[in-house]
Amino acid sequence: MYLIAVCDDVERDRAEMAAVTAAFMKENGVPCEIQRFRASEELLDAKRRGGAWDLILLDIMMDGQDGIELADTLRAHGDETDLVFITSSPEYALAGYQSYPVSYLLKPLTLDKLGPVLARCLERRRKLPCLVLDALEGGKVTFPLGGIRFIEVFRRELVVHTKDRTVSCAGPLSAALEALPAEGFYRCHRSFVVGLAHVSGIQRYRFLLRGGGEVPIAMRSYQEAQERWLSFLE
């Protein structure tokens, strides 16, 4: 499922962005979910509540916090989501390059303009090493390996914790572990696999994670866990 956020304070333009995007995705057989936001503050609120997207289509000129300010806020908090700026004024385009957007597009938005940009974003995503799991509601969910902090079994569900979102999937933990590169991931507990790149330290029977949080280590695995993490750091 490809997750997309559309942010524009003009209802007609929001609808246009969503419609053109949905048409391209349908034409190319890519399952997607599109969320619409009327203001930067709405999108940031959704982000704070755990929202995460593969792509954000962002109007530059909006009331309140404009699109460039929103992009700067996201980047300042480590969000690396693909951004596409949409604007009716080309003179504003250069101002946002520090936010590393994928592209700038001028309104009105058309399939001819947006299609090649969406294709490039999808290709970038396909080239990332990923873990693909079965979604609970059907279909597949793709997780770039670099973003996986840890995976746990909770209430018979496989819960993947990334930098941006937490997603429940189906299937056994052992199957997920088999699909992950052994050098970067370690099963430290019967119910947990940790992404070693996200570990900031180790204490008795737990890994400490960058940005907060921890993952338990089984008592019998504590010595091995220390060795695996130290080996990874080398």
Foldseek 3Di string as FASTA:
>chain_A
DAEEEEEAQDPVQQVQVVVLVVVLCVVVVHDYDYHYHNDLVVVVVCQVVQDDGQEYEAEQDDPDHGRLNSLVVCVVVPNPRAYEYEYQDVVCVVVRCVSPHLYYYYPPDHNVGCVVSVVVSVVVVVPADWQWFAAPVGDIDIGRLVFFFKWFQDPQWIWTDGPRHIGTGHDDPVVSVVSDDPLQWDDQDRTMIGGLVQFPDDDQQWTAGPPGDIDGGDNVCRVVVVVSSVVSVD
